[in-house]
C-alpha atoms as a PDB file:
ATOM      1  CA  MET A   1      -0.027  -0.162   0.074  1.00  0.00           C
ATOM      2  CA  ALA A   2       1.268   3.401  -0.296  1.00  0.00           C
ATOM      3  CA  CYS A   3       1.927   5.182   3.133  1.00  0.00           C
ATOM      4  CA  LEU A   4       4.837   7.137   4.215  1.00  0.00           C
ATOM      5  CA  SER A   5       8.384   5.916   5.347  1.00  0.00           C
ATOM      6  CA  PRO A   6       8.994   7.848   8.525  1.00  0.00           C
ATOM      7  CA  SER A   7      11.208   9.538   6.272  1.00  0.00           C
ATOM      8  CA  GLN A   8       8.847  10.406   3.796  1.00  0.00           C
ATOM      9  CA  LEU A   9       6.866  11.414   6.713  1.00  0.00           C
ATOM     10  CA  LYS A  10       9.425  13.685   8.556  1.00  0.00           C
ATOM     11  CA  LYS A  11      10.192  15.739   4.836  1.00  0.00           C
ATOM     12  CA  PHE A  12       6.579  15.937   4.202  1.00  0.00           C
ATOM     13  CA  GLN A  13       6.788  18.062   7.898  1.00  0.00           C
ATOM     14  CA  GLU A  14       9.738  20.077   6.743  1.00  0.00           C
ATOM     15  CA  ASP A  15       8.853  21.182   3.622  1.00  0.00           C
ATOM     16  CA  GLY A  16       4.995  21.389   3.279  1.00  0.00           C
ATOM     17  CA  PHE A  17       5.002  19.100   0.375  1.00  0.00           C
ATOM     18  CA  LEU A  18       5.939  16.049  -0.653  1.00  0.00           C
ATOM     19  CA  LEU A  19       6.647  14.346  -4.264  1.00  0.00           C
ATOM     20  CA  LEU A  20       5.488  10.480  -4.467  1.00  0.00           C
ATOM     21  CA  GLU A  21       6.366   9.459  -8.615  1.00  0.00           C
ATOM     22  CA  GLY A  22       4.088   6.357  -9.782  1.00  0.00           C
ATOM     23  CA  PHE A  23       1.254   6.898  -7.694  1.00  0.00           C
ATOM     24  CA  LEU A  24      -1.297   5.764 -10.041  1.00  0.00           C
ATOM     25  CA  THR A  25      -0.774   3.693 -13.187  1.00  0.00           C
ATOM     26  CA  ALA A  26      -0.528   5.039 -17.118  1.00  0.00           C
ATOM     27  CA  GLU A  27      -3.872   3.585 -17.881  1.00  0.00           C
ATOM     28  CA  GLU A  28      -5.516   4.877 -14.286  1.00  0.00           C
ATOM     29  CA  CYS A  29      -4.538   8.547 -15.796  1.00  0.00           C
ATOM     30  CA  VAL A  30      -5.730   7.794 -19.406  1.00  0.00           C
ATOM     31  CA  ALA A  31      -9.248   6.750 -17.884  1.00  0.00           C
ATOM     32  CA  MET A  32      -9.589  10.005 -16.217  1.00  0.00           C
ATOM     33  CA  GLN A  33      -7.969  12.107 -19.185  1.00  0.00           C
ATOM     34  CA  GLU A  34     -10.678   9.986 -21.773  1.00  0.00           C
ATOM     35  CA  ARG A  35     -13.685  10.646 -19.914  1.00  0.00           C
ATOM     36  CA  ILE A  36     -13.146  14.548 -18.703  1.00  0.00           C
ATOM     37  CA  GLY A  37     -12.223  14.590 -22.536  1.00  0.00           C
ATOM     38  CA  GLU A  38     -16.106  13.670 -22.586  1.00  0.00           C
ATOM     39  CA  ILE A  39     -17.130  15.698 -19.891  1.00  0.00           C
ATOM     40  CA  VAL A  40     -15.432  18.837 -22.529  1.00  0.00           C
ATOM     41  CA  ALA A  41     -17.308  17.392 -25.568  1.00  0.00           C
ATOM     42  CA  GLU A  42     -20.721  17.482 -23.411  1.00  0.00           C
ATOM     43  CA  MET A  43     -19.750  21.118 -22.029  1.00  0.00           C
ATOM     44  CA  ASP A  44     -22.819  23.679 -22.821  1.00  0.00           C
ATOM     45  CA  VAL A  45     -22.112  26.615 -20.293  1.00  0.00           C
ATOM     46  CA  PRO A  46     -24.426  29.695 -21.414  1.00  0.00           C
ATOM     47  CA  LEU A  47     -23.101  32.627 -22.067  1.00  0.00           C
ATOM     48  CA  HIS A  48     -23.664  34.574 -18.795  1.00  0.00           C
ATOM     49  CA  CYS A  49     -21.885  31.693 -17.100  1.00  0.00           C
ATOM     50  CA  ARG A  50     -19.078  31.849 -19.168  1.00  0.00           C
ATOM     51  CA  THR A  51     -16.186  32.827 -16.279  1.00  0.00           C
ATOM     52  CA  GLU A  52     -12.612  33.501 -16.984  1.00  0.00           C
ATOM     53  CA  PHE A  53     -10.699  32.170 -13.826  1.00  0.00           C
ATOM     54  CA  SER A  54      -7.336  33.947 -12.504  1.00  0.00           C
ATOM     55  CA  THR A  55      -5.535  33.904  -9.565  1.00  0.00           C
ATOM     56  CA  GLN A  56      -4.565  37.862 -10.042  1.00  0.00           C
ATOM     57  CA  GLU A  57      -6.475  39.708  -6.644  1.00  0.00           C
ATOM     58  CA  ASP A  58      -8.459  41.653  -8.732  1.00  0.00           C
ATOM     59  CA  GLU A  59      -9.431  40.037 -11.208  1.00  0.00           C
ATOM     60  CA  GLN A  60     -10.078  37.066  -8.881  1.00  0.00           C
ATOM     61  CA  LEU A  61     -13.035  39.201  -7.268  1.00  0.00           C
ATOM     62  CA  ARG A  62     -13.924  41.209 -10.238  1.00  0.00           C
ATOM     63  CA  THR A  63     -14.893  37.463 -11.917  1.00  0.00           C
ATOM     64  CA  GLN A  64     -15.281  34.235 -10.361  1.00  0.00           C
ATOM     65  CA  GLY A  65     -15.567  36.227  -6.930  1.00  0.00           C
ATOM     66  CA  ASN A  66     -18.445  37.769  -7.729  1.00  0.00           C
ATOM     67  CA  THR A  67     -20.279  35.111  -9.743  1.00  0.00           C
ATOM     68  CA  ASP A  68     -23.437  32.538  -8.757  1.00  0.00           C
ATOM     69  CA  TYR A  69     -22.353  30.396 -11.022  1.00  0.00           C
ATOM     70  CA  PHE A  70     -18.488  30.015  -9.413  1.00  0.00           C
ATOM     71  CA  LEU A  71     -19.659  30.429  -5.860  1.00  0.00           C
ATOM     72  CA  SER A  72     -22.658  27.394  -5.396  1.00  0.00           C
ATOM     73  CA  SER A  73     -19.821  24.951  -7.855  1.00  0.00           C
ATOM     74  CA  GLY A  74     -18.958  23.584  -4.640  1.00  0.00           C
ATOM     75  CA  ASP A  75     -21.450  20.313  -5.099  1.00  0.00           C
ATOM     76  CA  LYS A  76     -21.541  20.834  -8.605  1.00  0.00           C
ATOM     77  CA  VAL A  77     -19.452  20.172 -12.462  1.00  0.00           C
ATOM     78  CA  ARG A  78     -18.457  23.506 -13.605  1.00  0.00           C
ATOM     79  CA  PHE A  79     -16.404  24.666 -16.273  1.00  0.00           C
ATOM     80  CA  PHE A  80     -13.900  27.793 -15.848  1.00  0.00           C
ATOM     81  CA  PHE A  81     -11.992  29.714 -18.732  1.00  0.00           C
ATOM     82  CA  GLU A  82      -8.999  30.795 -19.503  1.00  0.00           C
ATOM     83  CA  LYS A  83      -8.310  34.717 -20.056  1.00  0.00           C
ATOM     84  CA  GLY A  84      -8.761  35.685 -23.244  1.00  0.00           C
ATOM     85  CA  VAL A  85     -10.378  32.795 -24.805  1.00  0.00           C
ATOM     86  CA  PHE A  86     -13.913  34.692 -25.499  1.00  0.00           C
ATOM     87  CA  ASP A  87     -14.745  37.969 -27.707  1.00  0.00           C
ATOM     88  CA  LYS A  88     -16.996  40.559 -25.993  1.00  0.00           C
ATOM     89  CA  LYS A  89     -20.101  38.971 -26.494  1.00  0.00           C
ATOM     90  CA  GLY A  90     -18.812  35.975 -24.381  1.00  0.00           C
ATOM     91  CA  ASN A  91     -18.454  34.125 -27.805  1.00  0.00           C
ATOM     92  CA  PHE A  92     -15.284  31.623 -27.953  1.00  0.00           C
ATOM     93  CA  LEU A  93     -12.656  32.891 -30.100  1.00  0.00           C
ATOM     94  CA  VAL A  94     -10.401  28.850 -30.147  1.00  0.00           C
ATOM     95  CA  PRO A  95     -11.944  26.258 -29.918  1.00  0.00           C
ATOM     96  CA  PRO A  96     -13.812  25.356 -26.580  1.00  0.00           C
ATOM     97  CA  GLU A  97     -11.848  22.404 -25.677  1.00  0.00           C
ATOM     98  CA  LYS A  98      -8.492  24.593 -26.238  1.00  0.00           C
ATOM     99  CA  SER A  99     -10.237  27.373 -23.838  1.00  0.00           C
ATOM    100  CA  VAL A 100     -11.103  24.987 -20.190  1.00  0.00           C
ATOM    101  CA  ASN A 101      -8.989  26.441 -17.621  1.00  0.00           C
ATOM    102  CA  LYS A 102     -10.618  24.302 -15.265  1.00  0.00           C
ATOM    103  CA  ILE A 103     -13.442  21.992 -14.163  1.00  0.00           C
ATOM    104  CA  GLY A 104     -14.458  22.102 -10.498  1.00  0.00           C
ATOM    105  CA  HIS A 105     -15.499  21.454  -7.545  1.00  0.00           C
ATOM    106  CA  ALA A 106     -17.628  18.191  -7.093  1.00  0.00           C
ATOM    107  CA  LEU A 107     -15.793  16.074  -9.752  1.00  0.00           C
ATOM    108  CA  HIS A 108     -15.128  13.605  -6.708  1.00  0.00           C
ATOM    109  CA  ALA A 109     -19.028  13.506  -6.154  1.00  0.00           C
ATOM    110  CA  HIS A 110     -20.625  13.300  -9.524  1.00  0.00           C
ATOM    111  CA  GLU A 111     -17.818  11.210 -11.617  1.00  0.00           C
ATOM    112  CA  PRO A 112     -17.208   7.557 -10.822  1.00  0.00           C
ATOM    113  CA  VAL A 113     -14.030   7.866 -12.261  1.00  0.00           C
ATOM    114  CA  PHE A 114     -12.523  10.359 -10.159  1.00  0.00           C
ATOM    115  CA  ARG A 115     -14.779   9.453  -7.164  1.00  0.00           C
ATOM    116  CA  SER A 116     -12.984   5.894  -7.767  1.00  0.00           C
ATOM    117  CA  VAL A 117      -9.776   7.762  -8.191  1.00  0.00           C
ATOM    118  CA  THR A 118     -10.201  10.036  -4.984  1.00  0.00           C
ATOM    119  CA  HIS A 119     -11.737   6.752  -2.192  1.00  0.00           C
ATOM    120  CA  SER A 120      -9.300   4.562  -3.979  1.00  0.00           C
ATOM    121  CA  PRO A 121      -7.319   2.166  -1.407  1.00  0.00           C
ATOM    122  CA  LYS A 122      -4.017   3.540  -1.988  1.00  0.00           C
ATOM    123  CA  VAL A 123      -5.268   7.048  -1.264  1.00  0.00           C
ATOM    124  CA  GLN A 124      -6.803   5.697   1.902  1.00  0.00           C
ATOM    125  CA  ALA A 125      -3.404   4.266   2.719  1.00  0.00           C
ATOM    126  CA  LEU A 126      -1.265   7.116   2.553  1.00  0.00           C
ATOM    127  CA  ILE A 127      -3.766   9.485   4.205  1.00  0.00           C
ATOM    128  CA  ARG A 128      -4.114   6.932   7.393  1.00  0.00           C
ATOM    129  CA  SER A 129      -0.555   6.944   7.035  1.00  0.00           C
ATOM    130  CA  LEU A 130      -0.275  10.816   7.633  1.00  0.00           C
ATOM    131  CA  GLY A 131      -2.734  10.348  10.927  1.00  0.00           C
ATOM    132  CA  LEU A 132      -5.661  12.196   9.423  1.00  0.00           C
ATOM    133  CA  GLN A 133      -8.536  10.147  11.690  1.00  0.00           C
ATOM    134  CA  LEU A 134     -11.659  11.537   9.821  1.00  0.00           C
ATOM    135  CA  PRO A 135     -10.822  13.425   6.513  1.00  0.00           C
ATOM    136  CA  VAL A 136     -13.323  14.338   4.397  1.00  0.00           C
ATOM    137  CA  VAL A 137     -13.327  15.850   1.009  1.00  0.00           C
ATOM    138  CA  VAL A 138     -14.196  19.318   0.262  1.00  0.00           C
ATOM    139  CA  GLN A 139     -13.266  20.104  -3.458  1.00  0.00           C
ATOM    140  CA  SER A 140     -11.734  18.762  -6.694  1.00  0.00           C
ATOM    141  CA  MET A 141     -10.789  19.688  -9.542  1.00  0.00           C
ATOM    142  CA  TYR A 142      -9.258  18.886 -13.147  1.00  0.00           C
ATOM    143  CA  ILE A 143      -6.906  21.859 -14.397  1.00  0.00           C
ATOM    144  CA  PHE A 144      -5.351  22.004 -17.872  1.00  0.00           C
ATOM    145  CA  LYS A 145      -2.749  24.083 -18.028  1.00  0.00           C
ATOM    146  CA  GLN A 146      -3.418  24.208 -22.134  1.00  0.00           C
ATOM    147  CA  PRO A 147      -0.473  25.347 -24.539  1.00  0.00           C
ATOM    148  CA  HIS A 148       0.537  28.621 -25.440  1.00  0.00           C
ATOM    149  CA  PHE A 149      -1.252  30.106 -22.515  1.00  0.00           C
ATOM    150  CA  GLY A 150      -2.070  28.403 -19.681  1.00  0.00           C
ATOM    151  CA  GLY A 151      -2.931  30.739 -17.315  1.00  0.00           C
ATOM    152  CA  GLU A 152      -0.002  31.693 -14.705  1.00  0.00           C
ATOM    153  CA  VAL A 153      -0.796  30.884 -10.613  1.00  0.00           C
ATOM    154  CA  PHE A 154       0.453  33.206  -8.658  1.00  0.00           C
ATOM    155  CA  PRO A 155       1.852  32.748  -5.260  1.00  0.00           C
ATOM    156  CA  HIS A 156      -0.859  31.557  -2.864  1.00  0.00           C
ATOM    157  CA  GLN A 157      -1.880  29.441   0.334  1.00  0.00           C
ATOM    158  CA  ASP A 158      -4.986  27.293   0.024  1.00  0.00           C
ATOM    159  CA  ALA A 159      -6.494  27.877   3.082  1.00  0.00           C
ATOM    160  CA  THR A 160      -6.426  31.936   2.011  1.00  0.00           C
ATOM    161  CA  PHE A 161      -9.499  30.206   0.239  1.00  0.00           C
ATOM    162  CA  LEU A 162     -10.398  26.700   2.009  1.00  0.00           C
ATOM    163  CA  TYR A 163      -9.882  28.859   5.865  1.00  0.00           C
ATOM    164  CA  THR A 164     -10.217  26.237   9.406  1.00  0.00           C
ATOM    165  CA  GLU A 165      -9.564  26.812  12.585  1.00  0.00           C
ATOM    166  CA  PRO A 166      -7.383  25.909  14.132  1.00  0.00           C
ATOM    167  CA  LEU A 167      -5.014  25.796  11.251  1.00  0.00           C
ATOM    168  CA  GLY A 168      -3.314  23.045   9.750  1.00  0.00           C
ATOM    169  CA  ARG A 169      -6.510  21.194   8.920  1.00  0.00           C
ATOM    170  CA  VAL A 170      -6.454  21.119   5.177  1.00  0.00           C
ATOM    171  CA  LEU A 171      -4.189  19.111   2.810  1.00  0.00           C
ATOM    172  CA  GLY A 172      -4.323  18.913  -1.054  1.00  0.00           C
ATOM    173  CA  VAL A 173      -3.687  16.600  -3.333  1.00  0.00           C
ATOM    174  CA  TRP A 174      -2.393  16.737  -6.446  1.00  0.00           C
ATOM    175  CA  ILE A 175      -1.977  14.339  -9.516  1.00  0.00           C
ATOM    176  CA  ALA A 176      -0.218  15.037 -12.601  1.00  0.00           C
ATOM    177  CA  MET A 177      -2.189  13.826 -15.930  1.00  0.00           C
ATOM    178  CA  GLU A 178       0.314  14.222 -18.031  1.00  0.00           C
ATOM    179  CA  ASP A 179       4.086  14.979 -17.082  1.00  0.00           C
ATOM    180  CA  ALA A 180       4.286  18.824 -15.196  1.00  0.00           C
ATOM    181  CA  THR A 181       8.032  20.243 -16.413  1.00  0.00           C
ATOM    182  CA  LEU A 182       9.348  23.721 -16.152  1.00  0.00           C
ATOM    183  CA  GLU A 183       8.472  24.583 -19.584  1.00  0.00           C
ATOM    184  CA  ASN A 184       4.806  23.627 -19.270  1.00  0.00           C
ATOM    185  CA  GLY A 185       4.108  24.723 -16.006  1.00  0.00           C
ATOM    186  CA  CYS A 186       5.554  22.438 -13.254  1.00  0.00           C
ATOM    187  CA  LEU A 187       4.450  23.707  -9.428  1.00  0.00           C
ATOM    188  CA  TRP A 188       6.659  25.848  -7.707  1.00  0.00           C
ATOM    189  CA  PHE A 189       7.168  25.887  -3.508  1.00  0.00           C
ATOM    190  CA  ILE A 190       8.474  27.799  -0.646  1.00  0.00           C
ATOM    191  CA  PRO A 191       9.932  24.429   1.364  1.00  0.00           C
ATOM    192  CA  GLY A 192       9.082  25.553   5.077  1.00  0.00           C
ATOM    193  CA  SER A 193       6.825  28.448   4.340  1.00  0.00           C
ATOM    194  CA  HIS A 194       3.976  26.300   6.165  1.00  0.00           C
ATOM    195  CA  THR A 195       4.629  26.721   9.405  1.00  0.00           C
ATOM    196  CA  SER A 196       3.759  30.938   9.193  1.00  0.00           C
ATOM    197  CA  GLY A 197       0.241  30.945   9.481  1.00  0.00           C
ATOM    198  CA  VAL A 198      -2.300  32.612   6.710  1.00  0.00           C
ATOM    199  CA  SER A 199      -0.962  35.821   5.419  1.00  0.00           C
ATOM    200  CA  ARG A 200      -4.665  36.895   4.132  1.00  0.00           C
ATOM    201  CA  ARG A 201      -7.971  34.925   3.273  1.00  0.00           C
ATOM    202  CA  MET A 202     -10.957  35.522   1.358  1.00  0.00           C
ATOM    203  CA  ILE A 203     -14.349  36.295   2.587  1.00  0.00           C
ATOM    204  CA  ARG A 204     -17.603  35.297   1.335  1.00  0.00           C
ATOM    205  CA  ALA A 205     -20.000  38.373   1.961  1.00  0.00           C
ATOM    206  CA  PRO A 206     -23.982  37.118   3.522  1.00  0.00           C
ATOM    207  CA  ALA A 207     -26.333  36.589   1.251  1.00  0.00           C
ATOM    208  CA  GLY A 208     -27.406  39.381  -1.366  1.00  0.00           C
ATOM    209  CA  SER A 209     -24.548  41.401  -0.109  1.00  0.00           C
ATOM    210  CA  SER A 210     -21.407  43.227  -2.731  1.00  0.00           C
ATOM    211  CA  PRO A 211     -19.305  42.645  -2.822  1.00  0.00           C
ATOM    212  CA  ALA A 212     -19.535  38.738  -3.205  1.00  0.00           C
ATOM    213  CA  THR A 213     -16.284  38.397  -1.514  1.00  0.00           C
ATOM    214  CA  SER A 214     -13.107  40.430  -0.612  1.00  0.00           C
ATOM    215  CA  PHE A 215     -10.397  39.493   1.225  1.00  0.00           C
ATOM    216  CA  LEU A 216      -8.722  40.102   4.296  1.00  0.00           C
ATOM    217  CA  GLY A 217      -5.245  40.480   4.517  1.00  0.00           C
ATOM    218  CA  SER A 218      -3.072  41.057   1.553  1.00  0.00           C
ATOM    219  CA  GLU A 219      -0.277  38.479  -0.160  1.00  0.00           C
ATOM    220  CA  PRO A 220       3.410  39.389   0.706  1.00  0.00           C
ATOM    221  CA  ALA A 221       5.883  39.917  -2.123  1.00  0.00           C
ATOM    222  CA  TRP A 222       7.414  36.931  -1.838  1.00  0.00           C
ATOM    223  CA  ASP A 223      11.552  36.631  -2.633  1.00  0.00           C
ATOM    224  CA  ASN A 224      10.940  34.542  -6.095  1.00  0.00           C
ATOM    225  CA  ASN A 225      14.905  32.857  -4.867  1.00  0.00           C
ATOM    226  CA  LEU A 226      12.520  31.235  -2.439  1.00  0.00           C
ATOM    227  CA  PHE A 227      10.609  28.966  -4.702  1.00  0.00           C
ATOM    228  CA  VAL A 228      11.818  25.162  -5.832  1.00  0.00           C
ATOM    229  CA  PRO A 229      10.192  23.855  -8.822  1.00  0.00           C
ATOM    230  CA  LEU A 230       8.823  20.134  -8.766  1.00  0.00           C
ATOM    231  CA  PRO A 231       9.098  18.747 -12.169  1.00  0.00           C
ATOM    232  CA  VAL A 232       6.499  15.486 -11.454  1.00  0.00           C
ATOM    233  CA  ARG A 233       6.208  12.476 -14.651  1.00  0.00           C
ATOM    234  CA  ARG A 234       2.947  11.727 -15.351  1.00  0.00           C
ATOM    235  CA  GLY A 235       0.891   9.689 -11.919  1.00  0.00           C
ATOM    236  CA  GLY A 236       3.282  11.489  -9.521  1.00  0.00           C
ATOM    237  CA  LEU A 237       1.089  12.829  -6.762  1.00  0.00           C
ATOM    238  CA  VAL A 238       2.179  15.820  -5.078  1.00  0.00           C
ATOM    239  CA  LEU A 239       0.866  15.926  -1.172  1.00  0.00           C
ATOM    240  CA  ILE A 240       0.375  20.183  -0.043  1.00  0.00           C
ATOM    241  CA  HIS A 241       0.162  21.245   3.324  1.00  0.00           C
ATOM    242  CA  GLY A 242      -2.852  23.903   3.406  1.00  0.00           C
ATOM    243  CA  GLN A 243      -0.330  26.849   4.629  1.00  0.00           C
ATOM    244  CA  VAL A 244       2.434  26.312   1.796  1.00  0.00           C
ATOM    245  CA  VAL A 245       3.317  28.801  -0.531  1.00  0.00           C
ATOM    246  CA  HIS A 246       2.864  27.618  -4.456  1.00  0.00           C
ATOM    247  CA  LYS A 247       2.730  28.903  -7.699  1.00  0.00           C
ATOM    248  CA  SER A 248       2.399  27.326 -11.073  1.00  0.00           C
ATOM    249  CA  GLU A 249       4.142  29.974 -14.778  1.00  0.00           C
ATOM    250  CA  GLN A 250       2.375  30.235 -17.456  1.00  0.00           C
ATOM    251  CA  ASN A 251       2.181  27.652 -20.286  1.00  0.00           C
ATOM    252  CA  LEU A 252       4.355  29.072 -23.600  1.00  0.00           C
ATOM    253  CA  SER A 253       4.979  25.580 -24.177  1.00  0.00           C
ATOM    254  CA  ASP A 254       3.147  23.147 -27.326  1.00  0.00           C
ATOM    255  CA  ARG A 255       2.596  20.574 -24.471  1.00  0.00           C
ATOM    256  CA  SER A 256      -0.309  20.653 -21.408  1.00  0.00           C
ATOM    257  CA  ARG A 257      -0.394  20.097 -18.162  1.00  0.00           C
ATOM    258  CA  GLN A 258      -3.126  18.321 -17.069  1.00  0.00           C
ATOM    259  CA  ALA A 259      -3.588  17.535 -13.171  1.00  0.00           C
ATOM    260  CA  TYR A 260      -6.305  16.514 -11.313  1.00  0.00           C
ATOM    261  CA  THR A 261      -6.832  17.347  -7.612  1.00  0.00           C
ATOM    262  CA  PHE A 262      -8.890  17.877  -4.481  1.00  0.00           C
ATOM    263  CA  HIS A 263      -8.655  18.761  -0.687  1.00  0.00           C
ATOM    264  CA  LEU A 264      -9.121  16.986   2.119  1.00  0.00           C
ATOM    265  CA  MET A 265      -9.947  18.359   5.632  1.00  0.00           C
ATOM    266  CA  GLU A 266      -9.261  16.767   9.012  1.00  0.00           C
ATOM    267  CA  ALA A 267     -13.137  17.490  10.377  1.00  0.00           C
ATOM    268  CA  ALA A 268     -11.805  15.012  13.966  1.00  0.00           C
ATOM    269  CA  ALA A 269     -11.079  16.847  16.684  1.00  0.00           C
ATOM    270  CA  GLY A 270     -12.930  20.161  16.917  1.00  0.00           C
ATOM    271  CA  THR A 271     -12.057  21.300  13.283  1.00  0.00           C
ATOM    272  CA  VAL A 272     -14.207  24.263  12.465  1.00  0.00           C
ATOM    273  CA  TRP A 273     -14.724  25.126   9.181  1.00  0.00           C
ATOM    274  CA  SER A 274     -14.974  28.893   8.212  1.00  0.00           C
ATOM    275  CA  PRO A 275     -18.543  29.786   7.753  1.00  0.00           C
ATOM    276  CA  GLU A 276     -17.473  33.039   5.767  1.00  0.00           C
ATOM    277  CA  ASN A 277     -15.166  30.236   3.232  1.00  0.00           C
ATOM    278  CA  TRP A 278     -16.271  30.519  -0.455  1.00  0.00           C
ATOM    279  CA  LEU A 279     -17.059  26.716  -0.341  1.00  0.00           C
ATOM    280  CA  GLN A 280     -19.558  24.928   1.814  1.00  0.00           C
ATOM    281  CA  PRO A 281     -21.330  22.655   2.084  1.00  0.00           C
ATOM    282  CA  THR A 282     -25.169  21.620   1.355  1.00  0.00           C
ATOM    283  CA  THR A 283     -27.925  19.111   1.911  1.00  0.00           C
ATOM    284  CA  GLU A 284     -27.213  18.158  -1.170  1.00  0.00           C
ATOM    285  CA  LEU A 285     -23.380  17.629  -1.096  1.00  0.00           C
ATOM    286  CA  PRO A 286     -22.176  17.538   2.876  1.00  0.00           C
ATOM    287  CA  PHE A 287     -18.609  16.601   2.459  1.00  0.00           C
ATOM    288  CA  PRO A 288     -17.915  13.467   2.425  1.00  0.00           C
ATOM    289  CA  PRO A 289     -15.579  11.258   4.532  1.00  0.00           C
ATOM    290  CA  LEU A 290     -13.066   9.707   2.370  1.00  0.00           C
ATOM    291  CA  TYR A 291     -12.547   6.414   4.493  1.00  0.00           C
ATOM    292  CA  ILE A 292     -15.669   4.554   3.118  1.00  0.00           C
END
């Protein structure tokens, strides 16, 4: 089973991230890619719901942070697009399948292929070896990083958007569906940055308020020299502490960098999911336990 060794656990605790090569087989990756291809081929997004995805703060608040399509996507499978792929009327300027930035946020609940991977015995064994007692799945995403214009993801901490009290209860699981390289936008991390708290938080306003979201605090001007790249071969899995600072560059290469990622929260020992997080469990989809 995919249990961490004591040395791997120590490295994750020190760095805030850990790469496990070859976690999924090529066949498992192909099954997920084929299903996502079918989902994209069947995609039908109304003009008023075509949301460009950005991690730049002002754009983030103006686009997805103020649209119901994004804010109500936690229990659904919805589509978010790269910048510059629509004309002023919302029509596609590039082939629709080349326009998608990500699909989220409940693939783990609605798509059997993704549910089976998320709740697989080897994922469960891996998470148990980290000591999580009652992990629940809070969201999932398929990220495309399209060739030539796949967007930059600015330095951030996942806990900015997925905040808990106490801190340290959120874990990201990121799996490469294709090789992630320096050329096509692999992840970069600041080792050890998970020990310094959370610098900013995205806050969801009460229903009917405008703007619908805002930020508390601000992102520091992180020193680029502190980041280290993490190339990952297809099938590799990266564990990401909720507070570690990470980013990825724009993909200007001719190869995409697809990945499946989901986030867990340790729900044991009195963890409180912030009622101010943009993402909230619903009656239709409470956060499902990982261990089923």
